[in-house]
Each structure stands twice: as C-alpha cells, then as structure tokens.
C-alpha cells in the first residue's frame, strides 16, 4: 500500500533514543528497511525510486 501513501515514515533507535523522519512521496516512491542490533539499537535503510 506504500504506493498509495502520501508519505512514508522511517524510524530508528540510536543510543537508546528513537528518531524519525518523514519522506513525502511527491516525485519518488520510498522503501524503508529496518534492522535490529543486539544492543537494542535499530537502523533504517531508505531507498527511493522515481515515479
């Protein structure tokens, strides 16, 4: 359903603090992949594709 969404939100945890970023899908489609570390942190890989 992400192709129909107006925006995609990416979130991750860095040193115990959650951070987020919003990606509006005006001229690109976005894909967010989240990875989890053993220490509780998370990171996100954001890919984009032109519409």
Protein backbone atom coordinates (compact mmCIF):
# COMPACT_ATOMS: atom_id res chain seq x y z
CA UNK A 1 0.00 0.00 0.00
CA UNK A 2 3.02 2.32 0.17
CA UNK A 3 2.47 3.29 -3.47
CA UNK A 4 -0.84 4.90 -2.39
CA UNK A 5 0.57 6.62 0.72
CA UNK A 6 1.26 10.35 0.64
CA UNK A 7 4.33 9.93 2.85
CA UNK A 8 6.47 7.19 4.41
CA UNK A 9 7.93 7.43 7.93
CA UNK A 10 11.29 5.90 8.78
CA UNK A 11 12.19 5.35 12.42
CA UNK A 12 15.29 4.03 14.15
CA UNK A 13 16.85 3.91 17.62
CA UNK A 14 20.28 5.43 18.17
CA UNK A 15 21.90 5.13 21.62
CA UNK A 16 18.50 4.41 23.17
CA UNK A 17 16.74 7.42 21.57
CA UNK A 18 14.09 6.96 18.89
CA UNK A 19 14.43 9.16 15.83
CA UNK A 20 12.03 9.51 12.92
CA UNK A 21 11.99 11.14 9.52
CA UNK A 22 9.07 11.64 7.15
CA UNK A 23 9.54 11.16 3.41
CA UNK A 24 6.78 12.71 1.23
CA UNK A 25 6.13 10.65 -1.91
CA UNK A 26 5.70 13.54 -4.32
CA UNK A 27 8.09 12.56 -7.10
CA UNK A 28 9.63 9.40 -5.59
CA UNK A 29 8.47 6.13 -4.06
CA UNK A 30 10.32 5.20 -0.87
CA UNK A 31 11.14 1.84 0.67
CA UNK A 32 12.33 1.61 4.28
CA UNK A 33 14.15 -1.46 5.61
CA UNK A 34 14.70 -1.67 9.38
CA UNK A 35 17.45 -3.71 11.01
CA UNK A 36 17.80 -4.57 14.68
CA UNK A 37 21.09 -4.74 16.59
CA UNK A 38 21.84 -6.92 19.62
CA UNK A 39 22.34 -3.85 21.84
CA UNK A 40 18.76 -2.67 21.26
CA UNK A 41 19.60 -0.08 18.62
CA UNK A 42 17.95 -0.13 15.20
CA UNK A 43 18.93 1.34 11.87
CA UNK A 44 16.99 2.01 8.70
CA UNK A 45 17.98 1.87 5.07
CA UNK A 46 15.90 4.17 2.86
CA UNK A 47 15.72 3.57 -0.89
CA UNK A 48 13.92 5.71 -3.42
CA UNK A 49 12.65 5.22 -6.95
CA UNK A 50 11.46 7.90 -9.31
CA UNK A 51 7.71 7.73 -10.04
